[in-house]
N, C-alpha and C. Protein backbone atom coordinates (compact mmCIF):
# COMPACT_ATOMS: atom_id res chain seq x y z
N MET A 1 -59.57 128.19 -184.41
CA MET A 1 -59.96 128.75 -183.45
C MET A 1 -62.06 129.22 -184.21
N LYS A 2 -63.02 128.57 -183.42
CA LYS A 2 -64.29 129.14 -183.78
C LYS A 2 -64.19 130.52 -183.31
N ASN A 3 -65.53 131.14 -184.21
CA ASN A 3 -66.14 131.86 -183.69
C ASN A 3 -66.41 133.00 -182.51
N SER A 4 -67.31 131.45 -181.64
CA SER A 4 -67.51 131.82 -180.36
C SER A 4 -66.39 131.35 -179.64
N ASP A 5 -65.52 130.72 -179.62
CA ASP A 5 -64.38 130.29 -179.47
C ASP A 5 -63.27 131.94 -178.69
N LYS A 6 -63.49 132.56 -180.20
CA LYS A 6 -62.78 133.74 -180.38
C LYS A 6 -62.90 134.78 -179.43
N ILE A 7 -64.75 134.80 -179.39
CA ILE A 7 -65.00 135.77 -178.41
C ILE A 7 -64.97 135.58 -176.99
N LEU A 8 -64.77 133.93 -176.91
CA LEU A 8 -64.57 133.81 -175.11
C LEU A 8 -63.09 134.57 -174.81
N SER A 9 -62.10 133.94 -175.78
CA SER A 9 -60.86 134.29 -175.24
C SER A 9 -60.86 135.87 -175.29
N TRP A 10 -61.52 136.77 -176.38
CA TRP A 10 -61.50 138.07 -176.12
C TRP A 10 -62.30 138.46 -174.72
N ALA A 11 -63.40 138.26 -174.26
CA ALA A 11 -63.79 138.54 -173.30
C ALA A 11 -63.03 138.16 -172.03
N ALA A 12 -62.26 136.72 -171.74
CA ALA A 12 -61.15 136.89 -170.82
C ALA A 12 -60.01 137.48 -171.15
N GLU A 13 -59.40 137.95 -172.24
CA GLU A 13 -58.53 138.71 -172.42
C GLU A 13 -58.45 140.18 -171.82
N LEU A 14 -59.90 140.76 -171.98
CA LEU A 14 -60.28 142.05 -171.59
C LEU A 14 -60.68 141.84 -170.06
N GLN A 15 -61.11 141.23 -169.59
CA GLN A 15 -60.71 140.54 -167.98
C GLN A 15 -60.18 140.82 -166.80
N SER A 16 -58.70 139.79 -168.17
CA SER A 16 -58.06 140.22 -167.26
C SER A 16 -57.05 141.54 -167.26
N LEU A 17 -57.09 142.11 -168.25
CA LEU A 17 -56.74 144.13 -168.23
C LEU A 17 -57.42 144.51 -168.02
N ALA A 18 -58.51 144.63 -167.48
CA ALA A 18 -59.25 145.45 -166.92
C ALA A 18 -59.15 145.10 -165.44
N GLN A 19 -59.04 144.04 -164.99
CA GLN A 19 -58.81 144.00 -163.73
C GLN A 19 -56.66 144.16 -163.08
N ALA A 20 -56.13 143.74 -164.19
CA ALA A 20 -54.97 144.72 -163.43
C ALA A 20 -54.97 146.12 -163.85
N GLY A 21 -56.12 146.71 -164.60
CA GLY A 21 -55.77 148.36 -164.67
C GLY A 21 -56.61 148.91 -163.25
N LEU A 22 -57.75 148.14 -162.86
CA LEU A 22 -58.43 148.54 -161.31
C LEU A 22 -57.34 147.52 -159.99
N PHE A 23 -56.34 146.98 -160.51
CA PHE A 23 -55.40 146.83 -159.30
C PHE A 23 -54.21 147.78 -159.23
N TYR A 24 -53.85 148.80 -160.36
CA TYR A 24 -52.75 149.27 -161.00
C TYR A 24 -52.97 150.62 -160.78
N SER A 25 -54.42 150.95 -160.93
CA SER A 25 -54.47 152.76 -161.06
C SER A 25 -54.76 153.22 -160.15
N LYS A 26 -55.21 154.58 -160.04
CA LYS A 26 -55.59 154.93 -159.28
C LYS A 26 -55.72 156.21 -159.38
N ASP A 27 -56.80 157.02 -160.82
CA ASP A 27 -57.01 157.47 -161.44
C ASP A 27 -58.16 157.49 -160.61
N ASN A 28 -59.60 158.01 -160.67
CA ASN A 28 -61.00 157.68 -159.76
C ASN A 28 -61.47 157.52 -161.66
N PHE A 29 -61.19 158.18 -162.53
CA PHE A 29 -61.60 158.30 -164.09
C PHE A 29 -61.04 156.93 -164.71
N ASP A 30 -59.82 156.67 -164.70
CA ASP A 30 -59.17 155.59 -165.33
C ASP A 30 -60.46 154.17 -163.78
N LEU A 31 -60.26 154.19 -163.18
CA LEU A 31 -61.10 153.25 -162.39
C LEU A 31 -62.44 152.79 -162.89
N GLU A 32 -63.00 153.89 -163.39
CA GLU A 32 -64.15 153.56 -163.30
C GLU A 32 -64.41 152.78 -165.20
N ARG A 33 -63.25 153.88 -166.29
CA ARG A 33 -63.38 152.77 -167.38
C ARG A 33 -63.05 151.34 -166.96
N PHE A 34 -61.75 150.95 -166.39
CA PHE A 34 -61.81 149.59 -166.25
C PHE A 34 -62.77 149.30 -165.78
N GLN A 35 -63.57 149.66 -164.58
CA GLN A 35 -64.96 148.62 -164.27
C GLN A 35 -66.13 148.61 -165.22
N ARG A 36 -66.05 149.49 -166.05
CA ARG A 36 -67.10 149.48 -167.19
C ARG A 36 -66.65 148.06 -168.04
N ILE A 37 -65.01 148.02 -168.26
CA ILE A 37 -64.71 147.08 -169.54
C ILE A 37 -64.89 145.92 -168.77
N ARG A 38 -64.42 145.86 -167.68
CA ARG A 38 -64.95 144.76 -166.79
C ARG A 38 -66.37 143.86 -167.35
N GLU A 39 -67.19 144.58 -166.92
CA GLU A 39 -68.74 145.02 -166.79
C GLU A 39 -68.96 144.34 -168.21
N ILE A 40 -68.55 144.99 -169.29
CA ILE A 40 -68.85 144.28 -170.57
C ILE A 40 -68.18 143.51 -171.08
N SER A 41 -67.11 142.37 -170.75
CA SER A 41 -66.60 141.82 -170.69
C SER A 41 -67.50 140.22 -170.14
N ALA A 42 -68.50 140.78 -168.80
CA ALA A 42 -69.25 140.07 -168.46
C ALA A 42 -70.45 139.93 -169.26
N GLU A 43 -71.05 140.47 -169.91
CA GLU A 43 -71.63 141.00 -170.71
C GLU A 43 -71.31 140.11 -172.21
N MET A 44 -70.74 139.72 -172.68
CA MET A 44 -69.85 139.17 -173.79
C MET A 44 -69.86 137.75 -173.35
N LEU A 45 -69.48 137.47 -172.01
CA LEU A 45 -70.10 136.17 -171.70
C LEU A 45 -71.25 135.44 -171.38
N THR A 46 -71.94 136.15 -171.02
CA THR A 46 -73.71 136.17 -170.95
C THR A 46 -74.03 136.00 -172.11
N VAL A 47 -73.73 136.28 -172.76
CA VAL A 47 -74.09 136.43 -174.44
C VAL A 47 -73.85 135.09 -175.75
N LYS A 48 -72.73 134.15 -174.93
CA LYS A 48 -72.39 133.24 -175.25
C LYS A 48 -72.14 131.95 -174.50
N THR A 49 -72.26 132.31 -173.71
CA THR A 49 -72.75 131.34 -172.43
C THR A 49 -73.93 131.13 -172.23
N ASP A 50 -74.44 129.85 -171.07
CA ASP A 50 -75.93 129.93 -170.60
C ASP A 50 -75.40 130.52 -169.19
N LEU A 51 -74.58 131.35 -168.92
CA LEU A 51 -74.70 131.35 -167.78
C LEU A 51 -75.11 132.79 -167.83
N SER A 52 -76.01 133.02 -166.13
CA SER A 52 -76.96 134.64 -165.98
C SER A 52 -75.43 135.30 -165.40
N PHE A 53 -75.93 136.78 -165.88
CA PHE A 53 -74.72 137.58 -165.63
C PHE A 53 -74.36 137.96 -164.18
N GLU A 54 -75.13 137.23 -163.25
CA GLU A 54 -74.74 137.39 -162.14
C GLU A 54 -74.16 135.99 -161.73
N LYS A 55 -74.35 134.75 -162.07
CA LYS A 55 -73.47 133.94 -162.23
C LYS A 55 -72.10 134.19 -162.95
N VAL A 56 -71.63 134.84 -163.88
CA VAL A 56 -70.95 135.53 -164.43
C VAL A 56 -69.80 136.28 -162.99
N GLN A 57 -70.51 137.37 -163.76
CA GLN A 57 -69.97 138.93 -162.22
C GLN A 57 -69.29 137.38 -161.22
N ASP A 58 -69.72 136.84 -160.89
CA ASP A 58 -69.13 136.03 -159.06
C ASP A 58 -68.14 135.00 -159.44
N ILE A 59 -68.09 134.40 -160.78
CA ILE A 59 -67.10 133.03 -160.88
C ILE A 59 -66.15 134.45 -161.75
N PHE A 60 -66.53 135.51 -162.25
CA PHE A 60 -65.41 135.98 -162.84
C PHE A 60 -65.05 137.52 -162.67
N CYS A 61 -65.72 138.01 -161.90
CA CYS A 61 -65.41 140.17 -161.69
C CYS A 61 -65.12 139.66 -159.78
N ASN A 62 -65.31 138.85 -159.19
CA ASN A 62 -64.90 138.83 -157.97
C ASN A 62 -63.78 138.80 -157.77
N GLU A 63 -62.47 138.82 -158.22
CA GLU A 63 -61.52 138.36 -157.75
C GLU A 63 -60.68 140.10 -157.82
N THR A 64 -59.97 139.55 -156.72
CA THR A 64 -58.57 141.12 -156.23
C THR A 64 -57.24 141.03 -156.95
N GLY A 65 -56.92 142.44 -157.53
CA GLY A 65 -55.60 142.22 -157.69
C GLY A 65 -54.70 141.61 -158.56
N TYR A 66 -53.83 141.39 -159.16
CA TYR A 66 -53.33 141.34 -160.63
C TYR A 66 -53.59 139.55 -160.79
N GLN A 67 -54.49 139.23 -161.89
CA GLN A 67 -55.08 138.27 -162.02
C GLN A 67 -53.81 136.72 -162.66
N THR A 68 -53.89 135.41 -162.56
CA THR A 68 -53.39 134.91 -162.34
C THR A 68 -54.24 133.89 -162.70
N PRO A 69 -53.35 132.18 -163.41
CA PRO A 69 -54.01 131.36 -163.74
C PRO A 69 -54.54 130.87 -162.38
N LYS A 70 -55.70 129.77 -162.51
CA LYS A 70 -56.17 128.82 -161.11
C LYS A 70 -55.05 127.86 -161.51
N VAL A 71 -54.84 126.90 -160.55
CA VAL A 71 -54.05 125.99 -160.74
C VAL A 71 -55.14 124.43 -159.83
N ASP A 72 -55.29 123.42 -161.10
CA ASP A 72 -55.20 122.44 -160.79
C ASP A 72 -54.91 120.99 -160.44
N THR A 73 -54.31 120.22 -159.43
CA THR A 73 -53.57 118.80 -160.21
C THR A 73 -54.26 117.96 -159.91
N ARG A 74 -53.74 116.95 -159.99
CA ARG A 74 -54.11 115.41 -160.57
C ARG A 74 -53.10 114.50 -159.98
N ALA A 75 -53.76 113.48 -159.42
CA ALA A 75 -52.67 112.31 -159.05
C ALA A 75 -53.11 110.95 -160.11
N ALA A 76 -51.96 110.73 -160.07
CA ALA A 76 -51.80 109.42 -161.37
C ALA A 76 -51.52 107.89 -160.22
N ILE A 77 -52.42 107.05 -160.29
CA ILE A 77 -51.62 106.23 -159.34
C ILE A 77 -51.92 105.11 -159.77
N PHE A 78 -51.20 104.20 -159.85
CA PHE A 78 -51.20 102.54 -160.78
C PHE A 78 -50.74 101.89 -159.94
N LYS A 79 -51.21 100.76 -160.38
CA LYS A 79 -51.54 99.07 -159.86
C LYS A 79 -51.87 98.36 -160.65
N ASP A 80 -50.18 97.15 -160.81
CA ASP A 80 -50.98 96.41 -161.84
C ASP A 80 -50.67 96.40 -163.04
N GLU A 81 -50.57 97.88 -163.44
CA GLU A 81 -50.19 98.38 -164.87
C GLU A 81 -51.30 98.88 -165.13
N LYS A 82 -52.15 99.38 -164.21
CA LYS A 82 -53.55 100.18 -164.30
C LYS A 82 -53.36 101.53 -163.37
N ILE A 83 -54.47 102.15 -164.09
CA ILE A 83 -54.27 103.52 -163.24
C ILE A 83 -55.46 103.76 -162.79
N LEU A 84 -55.92 104.30 -161.61
CA LEU A 84 -56.52 105.01 -161.15
C LEU A 84 -57.20 105.67 -161.14
N LEU A 85 -58.89 105.64 -161.52
CA LEU A 85 -59.62 106.34 -161.53
C LEU A 85 -60.52 106.69 -160.55
N VAL A 86 -61.61 108.05 -160.90
CA VAL A 86 -62.71 107.64 -159.95
C VAL A 86 -63.73 108.53 -160.59
N GLN A 87 -65.02 107.88 -160.46
CA GLN A 87 -66.03 108.44 -160.94
C GLN A 87 -66.65 109.40 -160.61
N GLU A 88 -67.22 110.99 -161.42
CA GLU A 88 -67.57 111.88 -161.07
C GLU A 88 -69.47 111.73 -161.11
N ASN A 89 -69.95 112.62 -160.55
CA ASN A 89 -71.24 112.47 -160.36
C ASN A 89 -72.14 112.11 -161.25
N ASP A 90 -71.57 112.74 -162.27
CA ASP A 90 -72.25 112.38 -164.02
C ASP A 90 -71.93 111.58 -164.48
N GLY A 91 -71.01 110.19 -163.67
CA GLY A 91 -71.11 109.25 -164.40
C GLY A 91 -69.43 108.73 -165.22
N ARG A 92 -68.92 109.78 -165.32
CA ARG A 92 -67.98 110.30 -166.46
C ARG A 92 -66.61 110.07 -165.15
N TRP A 93 -65.19 109.93 -165.79
CA TRP A 93 -64.31 109.10 -165.04
C TRP A 93 -63.41 110.16 -165.00
N ALA A 94 -62.14 110.66 -163.95
CA ALA A 94 -60.85 110.78 -164.08
C ALA A 94 -60.04 110.66 -162.97
N MET A 95 -59.23 111.31 -163.34
CA MET A 95 -57.97 111.17 -162.01
C MET A 95 -57.97 111.49 -160.97
N PRO A 96 -57.96 111.29 -159.83
CA PRO A 96 -58.42 112.45 -158.32
C PRO A 96 -57.53 113.86 -158.65
N GLY A 97 -58.61 114.38 -157.84
CA GLY A 97 -57.69 115.97 -158.34
C GLY A 97 -58.87 117.38 -157.65
N GLY A 98 -58.03 118.51 -158.18
CA GLY A 98 -58.98 119.36 -157.76
C GLY A 98 -58.35 120.44 -157.71
N TRP A 99 -59.17 121.53 -157.61
CA TRP A 99 -58.66 123.28 -157.69
C TRP A 99 -57.49 122.95 -156.32
N CYS A 100 -56.57 124.09 -156.64
CA CYS A 100 -55.33 123.73 -155.19
C CYS A 100 -56.03 124.84 -154.62
N ASP A 101 -55.83 124.23 -153.17
CA ASP A 101 -56.38 125.32 -152.02
C ASP A 101 -55.50 126.54 -151.48
N PHE A 102 -55.94 126.88 -151.17
CA PHE A 102 -55.08 128.68 -151.22
C PHE A 102 -53.60 128.66 -149.64
N ASN A 103 -54.07 127.34 -148.93
CA ASN A 103 -53.02 127.35 -148.04
C ASN A 103 -52.49 125.99 -147.97
N LEU A 104 -52.31 125.12 -149.10
CA LEU A 104 -52.26 124.28 -149.67
C LEU A 104 -50.91 124.12 -150.85
N SER A 105 -49.75 123.56 -150.73
CA SER A 105 -48.39 123.14 -151.78
C SER A 105 -49.45 123.03 -152.89
N PRO A 106 -49.13 122.68 -154.07
CA PRO A 106 -49.69 121.61 -155.14
C PRO A 106 -49.35 120.36 -154.89
N ALA A 107 -48.06 119.90 -154.25
CA ALA A 107 -48.28 118.52 -153.95
C ALA A 107 -48.91 118.06 -152.38
N GLU A 108 -48.91 118.97 -151.91
CA GLU A 108 -50.08 118.63 -150.51
C GLU A 108 -51.53 118.85 -151.07
N ASN A 109 -52.00 119.33 -152.20
CA ASN A 109 -53.04 119.58 -152.14
C ASN A 109 -53.26 118.00 -152.99
N THR A 110 -52.63 117.67 -153.60
CA THR A 110 -52.63 116.83 -154.40
C THR A 110 -52.81 115.39 -153.95
N ILE A 111 -52.03 115.02 -152.40
CA ILE A 111 -51.86 114.37 -151.57
C ILE A 111 -53.64 114.03 -150.76
N LYS A 112 -54.06 115.34 -150.29
CA LYS A 112 -55.95 115.66 -149.82
C LYS A 112 -56.79 115.26 -150.51
N GLU A 113 -56.53 116.03 -152.09
CA GLU A 113 -57.77 115.60 -153.07
C GLU A 113 -57.67 113.46 -153.15
N ALA A 114 -56.52 113.15 -153.23
CA ALA A 114 -56.15 111.58 -153.58
C ALA A 114 -57.23 110.69 -152.20
N LYS A 115 -56.71 111.33 -151.06
CA LYS A 115 -57.98 110.65 -149.73
C LYS A 115 -59.14 111.29 -150.31
N GLU A 116 -59.57 112.54 -150.35
CA GLU A 116 -61.20 112.69 -150.15
C GLU A 116 -61.53 112.00 -151.77
N GLU A 117 -61.08 111.99 -152.87
CA GLU A 117 -61.99 111.22 -153.23
C GLU A 117 -61.63 109.81 -153.81
N ALA A 118 -60.59 109.18 -153.75
CA ALA A 118 -60.03 107.96 -153.60
C ALA A 118 -59.81 107.15 -152.55
N GLY A 119 -60.03 108.02 -151.34
CA GLY A 119 -59.50 106.83 -149.50
C GLY A 119 -58.72 106.64 -149.91
N LEU A 120 -57.40 106.89 -150.75
CA LEU A 120 -55.67 106.46 -150.58
C LEU A 120 -55.42 107.32 -149.97
N ASP A 121 -54.03 107.14 -148.95
CA ASP A 121 -52.59 107.69 -148.89
C ASP A 121 -52.16 107.57 -149.92
N VAL A 122 -51.29 108.59 -150.38
CA VAL A 122 -50.25 108.14 -150.88
C VAL A 122 -49.15 109.36 -150.86
N VAL A 123 -47.96 109.43 -151.53
CA VAL A 123 -46.96 109.81 -151.54
C VAL A 123 -46.67 110.49 -152.95
N ILE A 124 -45.73 111.25 -153.54
CA ILE A 124 -45.48 112.14 -154.52
C ILE A 124 -44.09 111.69 -155.15
N ASP A 125 -43.85 111.14 -155.85
CA ASP A 125 -42.85 110.50 -156.85
C ASP A 125 -42.42 111.10 -157.72
N LYS A 126 -43.02 111.99 -158.72
CA LYS A 126 -42.30 112.85 -159.40
C LYS A 126 -43.57 113.77 -160.72
N VAL A 127 -42.83 115.05 -161.03
CA VAL A 127 -44.01 115.41 -161.52
C VAL A 127 -44.19 115.12 -163.00
N ILE A 128 -45.54 114.44 -163.29
CA ILE A 128 -45.03 113.93 -164.75
C ILE A 128 -44.95 115.39 -165.92
N ALA A 129 -46.31 116.19 -165.91
CA ALA A 129 -46.67 117.17 -166.56
C ALA A 129 -46.88 118.07 -165.77
N VAL A 130 -46.46 119.79 -166.57
CA VAL A 130 -46.81 121.02 -165.85
C VAL A 130 -47.83 121.92 -167.48
N GLN A 131 -48.80 121.66 -167.32
CA GLN A 131 -49.59 122.25 -168.79
C GLN A 131 -50.65 123.25 -168.84
N ASP A 132 -51.23 123.70 -169.94
CA ASP A 132 -51.73 124.94 -170.07
C ASP A 132 -52.86 124.48 -170.28
N ARG A 133 -53.98 124.48 -169.49
CA ARG A 133 -55.76 123.80 -169.63
C ARG A 133 -56.06 124.12 -171.14
N GLU A 134 -55.94 124.75 -171.16
CA GLU A 134 -56.35 125.55 -172.56
C GLU A 134 -55.91 125.11 -173.89
N LYS A 135 -54.06 124.16 -173.71
CA LYS A 135 -54.07 123.76 -174.52
C LYS A 135 -54.38 122.09 -174.95
N HIS A 136 -55.20 121.60 -174.02
CA HIS A 136 -55.04 119.89 -173.82
C HIS A 136 -56.34 119.42 -173.21
N ASN A 137 -57.14 120.49 -172.91
CA ASN A 137 -59.14 120.17 -172.40
C ASN A 137 -59.85 121.37 -172.71
N PHE A 138 -61.02 120.27 -172.59
CA PHE A 138 -62.06 120.93 -173.30
C PHE A 138 -63.39 120.59 -172.59
N PRO A 139 -64.37 121.74 -172.59
CA PRO A 139 -64.45 122.75 -173.67
C PRO A 139 -63.47 123.65 -172.71
N SER A 140 -64.02 124.85 -173.42
CA SER A 140 -62.70 126.31 -172.73
C SER A 140 -63.58 126.91 -171.49
N TYR A 141 -62.30 127.32 -170.42
CA TYR A 141 -63.30 127.91 -169.47
C TYR A 141 -62.86 128.95 -169.61
N ILE A 142 -63.64 130.19 -168.38
CA ILE A 142 -63.42 131.91 -169.23
C ILE A 142 -62.39 132.19 -167.93
N TYR A 143 -61.22 131.81 -167.41
CA TYR A 143 -60.26 131.88 -167.05
C TYR A 143 -58.96 130.45 -167.44
N ASN A 144 -57.58 130.51 -166.96
CA ASN A 144 -56.76 130.32 -167.75
C ASN A 144 -56.31 129.18 -166.53
N VAL A 145 -56.18 128.04 -166.58
CA VAL A 145 -55.79 127.17 -165.03
C VAL A 145 -54.20 126.63 -165.94
N VAL A 146 -53.64 126.38 -164.69
CA VAL A 146 -52.63 125.38 -165.01
C VAL A 146 -52.61 124.32 -163.99
N LYS A 147 -52.93 122.93 -165.27
CA LYS A 147 -53.18 121.92 -164.84
C LYS A 147 -51.20 121.12 -164.47
N ILE A 148 -50.99 120.23 -162.79
CA ILE A 148 -50.03 119.82 -163.06
C ILE A 148 -50.79 118.45 -162.63
N LEU A 149 -49.60 117.08 -162.90
CA LEU A 149 -49.74 116.12 -162.93
C LEU A 149 -48.82 115.10 -162.18
N TYR A 150 -49.21 114.53 -161.38
CA TYR A 150 -48.13 113.92 -160.39
C TYR A 150 -48.24 111.92 -160.79
N LEU A 151 -47.39 112.06 -160.37
CA LEU A 151 -47.09 110.66 -159.95
C LEU A 151 -46.77 110.29 -158.92
N CYS A 152 -47.96 109.21 -158.16
CA CYS A 152 -48.03 109.15 -156.85
C CYS A 152 -48.14 107.20 -156.50
N THR A 153 -47.40 107.12 -155.53
CA THR A 153 -47.85 105.77 -154.76
C THR A 153 -48.56 105.78 -153.59
N SER A 154 -49.63 104.53 -154.08
CA SER A 154 -49.94 104.85 -153.01
C SER A 154 -49.75 103.73 -151.59
N LYS A 155 -50.44 104.27 -150.50
CA LYS A 155 -49.55 103.37 -149.42
C LYS A 155 -50.22 102.48 -148.08
N GLY A 156 -51.47 102.66 -149.11
CA GLY A 156 -53.40 102.13 -148.33
C GLY A 156 -54.13 103.09 -148.07
N GLY A 157 -54.84 102.16 -147.54
CA GLY A 157 -56.49 103.01 -147.31
C GLY A 157 -57.81 102.48 -148.25
N ALA A 158 -58.45 103.26 -148.46
CA ALA A 158 -59.84 102.37 -149.41
C ALA A 158 -60.97 103.42 -149.61
N PHE A 159 -61.85 102.73 -150.74
CA PHE A 159 -62.55 103.97 -151.32
C PHE A 159 -63.68 104.01 -150.46
N HIS A 160 -64.11 105.42 -150.25
CA HIS A 160 -65.65 105.46 -149.49
C HIS A 160 -66.05 106.49 -150.28
N GLU A 161 -67.72 106.10 -150.81
CA GLU A 161 -68.88 107.37 -151.29
C GLU A 161 -68.54 108.46 -150.85
N ASN A 162 -68.26 109.86 -151.32
CA ASN A 162 -68.29 110.98 -151.03
C ASN A 162 -68.97 111.71 -151.72
N ILE A 163 -69.22 112.98 -151.37
CA ILE A 163 -69.76 114.17 -151.96
C ILE A 163 -69.03 114.38 -153.42
N GLU A 164 -68.27 114.19 -154.01
CA GLU A 164 -67.25 114.09 -154.84
C GLU A 164 -67.20 113.08 -156.06
N THR A 165 -67.47 112.02 -155.58
CA THR A 165 -67.09 111.12 -156.37
C THR A 165 -67.93 109.59 -155.71
N SER A 166 -68.48 108.94 -157.05
CA SER A 166 -69.23 107.66 -156.30
C SER A 166 -68.64 106.73 -156.89
N ALA A 167 -67.60 106.09 -156.98
CA ALA A 167 -66.88 105.36 -156.99
C ALA A 167 -65.30 105.47 -157.56
N SER A 168 -64.50 103.98 -157.22
CA SER A 168 -62.77 104.35 -157.72
C SER A 168 -62.63 102.90 -158.80
N LYS A 169 -61.76 102.54 -159.63
CA LYS A 169 -61.60 101.38 -160.30
C LYS A 169 -60.13 101.78 -161.17
N TYR A 170 -59.50 100.81 -160.95
CA TYR A 170 -58.20 100.88 -162.00
C TYR A 170 -58.87 100.10 -163.00
N PHE A 171 -57.93 100.79 -164.15
CA PHE A 171 -58.07 100.82 -165.77
C PHE A 171 -56.74 100.63 -166.44
N ALA A 172 -57.09 99.48 -167.26
CA ALA A 172 -55.96 99.42 -168.00
C ALA A 172 -55.62 101.00 -169.39
N GLU A 173 -54.39 100.73 -169.76
CA GLU A 173 -54.66 101.49 -170.44
C GLU A 173 -55.44 101.35 -172.10
N ASP A 174 -55.97 100.53 -172.74
CA ASP A 174 -56.86 100.06 -173.68
C ASP A 174 -58.40 99.90 -172.93
N GLU A 175 -58.27 100.31 -171.71
CA GLU A 175 -60.00 99.96 -171.27
C GLU A 175 -60.41 101.03 -170.40
N LEU A 176 -59.76 102.07 -171.21
CA LEU A 176 -60.25 103.59 -170.65
C LEU A 176 -61.97 103.87 -170.90
N PRO A 177 -62.33 104.44 -169.75
CA PRO A 177 -64.20 104.86 -169.65
C PRO A 177 -64.29 106.43 -169.98
N PRO A 178 -65.74 106.53 -170.46
CA PRO A 178 -65.74 107.58 -170.72
C PRO A 178 -65.10 108.75 -169.45
N MET A 179 -64.56 110.12 -170.38
CA MET A 179 -63.73 110.61 -169.35
C MET A 179 -64.51 111.82 -169.20
N ALA A 180 -63.85 112.81 -167.95
CA ALA A 180 -64.88 114.07 -167.36
C ALA A 180 -63.79 114.98 -168.63
N ASN A 181 -63.58 115.37 -170.08
CA ASN A 181 -62.51 116.25 -170.24
C ASN A 181 -61.97 117.39 -170.17
N GLU A 182 -63.18 117.83 -169.56
CA GLU A 182 -62.87 119.57 -169.25
C GLU A 182 -62.28 118.64 -167.38
N LYS A 183 -61.62 117.57 -166.94
CA LYS A 183 -60.92 117.82 -166.20
C LYS A 183 -59.56 117.39 -166.38
N CYS A 184 -59.92 115.84 -167.17
CA CYS A 184 -58.78 114.54 -167.33
C CYS A 184 -59.11 113.95 -169.20
N THR A 185 -58.47 114.23 -169.94
CA THR A 185 -58.75 113.47 -171.03
C THR A 185 -57.85 111.95 -170.88
N ALA A 186 -57.87 111.76 -171.64
CA ALA A 186 -57.71 110.14 -172.74
C ALA A 186 -56.20 110.48 -172.85
N GLU A 187 -55.84 111.57 -173.29
CA GLU A 187 -54.61 111.55 -173.86
C GLU A 187 -53.72 111.92 -172.75
N GLN A 188 -54.56 112.83 -171.60
CA GLN A 188 -53.24 112.94 -169.91
C GLN A 188 -53.65 111.36 -169.32
N VAL A 189 -54.39 110.76 -169.78
CA VAL A 189 -53.88 109.58 -168.65
C VAL A 189 -53.06 108.70 -169.37
N LYS A 190 -53.13 108.74 -170.67
CA LYS A 190 -51.96 108.25 -171.50
C LYS A 190 -50.64 108.42 -171.56
N LEU A 191 -50.44 109.67 -171.10
CA LEU A 191 -49.27 110.72 -171.28
C LEU A 191 -48.96 109.73 -169.43
N CYS A 192 -49.14 109.57 -168.59
CA CYS A 192 -48.94 109.40 -167.79
C CYS A 192 -48.60 107.82 -167.04
N PHE A 193 -49.59 106.95 -168.02
CA PHE A 193 -49.21 105.80 -168.41
C PHE A 193 -47.42 105.39 -168.88
N LYS A 194 -47.14 106.19 -170.02
CA LYS A 194 -45.64 106.58 -170.63
C LYS A 194 -44.68 107.27 -169.41
N ALA A 195 -45.56 108.14 -168.31
CA ALA A 195 -44.04 107.87 -167.18
C ALA A 195 -44.37 107.52 -166.56
N HIS A 196 -45.33 106.55 -166.17
CA HIS A 196 -45.08 104.80 -165.12
C HIS A 196 -44.09 104.43 -165.92
N ARG A 197 -44.02 104.21 -167.19
CA ARG A 197 -42.89 103.21 -167.29
C ARG A 197 -41.79 103.06 -167.94
N ALA A 198 -41.55 104.49 -167.93
CA ALA A 198 -40.02 105.25 -168.10
C ALA A 198 -39.35 105.17 -167.44
N GLU A 199 -38.27 104.24 -167.39
CA GLU A 199 -37.35 104.23 -166.41
C GLU A 199 -36.44 105.18 -166.06
N PHE A 200 -36.53 106.86 -166.85
CA PHE A 200 -36.51 108.24 -166.43
C PHE A 200 -37.38 108.69 -167.22
N TRP A 201 -37.71 109.77 -166.50
CA TRP A 201 -38.65 110.54 -166.80
C TRP A 201 -38.25 112.20 -167.09
N GLN A 202 -38.79 112.95 -168.07
CA GLN A 202 -38.03 114.13 -168.22
C GLN A 202 -40.54 114.75 -168.27
N THR A 203 -40.31 116.19 -166.89
CA THR A 203 -41.23 116.50 -167.03
C THR A 203 -41.31 117.22 -168.44
N GLN A 204 -43.09 117.24 -168.71
CA GLN A 204 -43.60 117.89 -169.46
C GLN A 204 -44.40 118.93 -169.55
N PHE A 205 -43.90 120.21 -170.40
CA PHE A 205 -44.18 121.66 -169.87
C PHE A 205 -44.78 122.41 -171.57
N ASP A 206 -45.61 123.32 -171.01
CA ASP A 206 -46.23 123.81 -171.90
C ASP A 206 -45.30 125.12 -172.47
């Protein structure tokens, strides 16, 4: 691990410990110390990233309660032995998906994202994998993420350009376009191909 990555990892761990302390502690002096540790973690991240202190505080220090990973879900949709990818606004591609809304289950969120980003009505067939994002995607985030990949079947629909994606297209395994690796890597897509082709698939997990 690079030194810069270590510092980001340490800062994220300090943030998590500080947030747990702020949640569980009752002593005012302890609360003050944990708040300062949280501020230091944000200052470390400001130094090691191109984010402003205010931005780091907004995305890193505004949660309450015991800190847990965020959840990201992705839909693997196949047709004629090709997988559906959607084009991000920066031109790169990914499987339809995104952050899990607080009022939706992971499966419900996957169905919603497939409709919003690809215009398709899908049903969930099986769970392909449950992954620790840090082990599979890059660059690192300043918070932990659990990624759930679902094998889905399209029941109809059509793509409509929207604020998140500009196109959708089916790709063969050997013709994948430039991927939005922070969201979805070629390796993750190839794992979905394996699940699609398997007669019996055992869910992969970290």
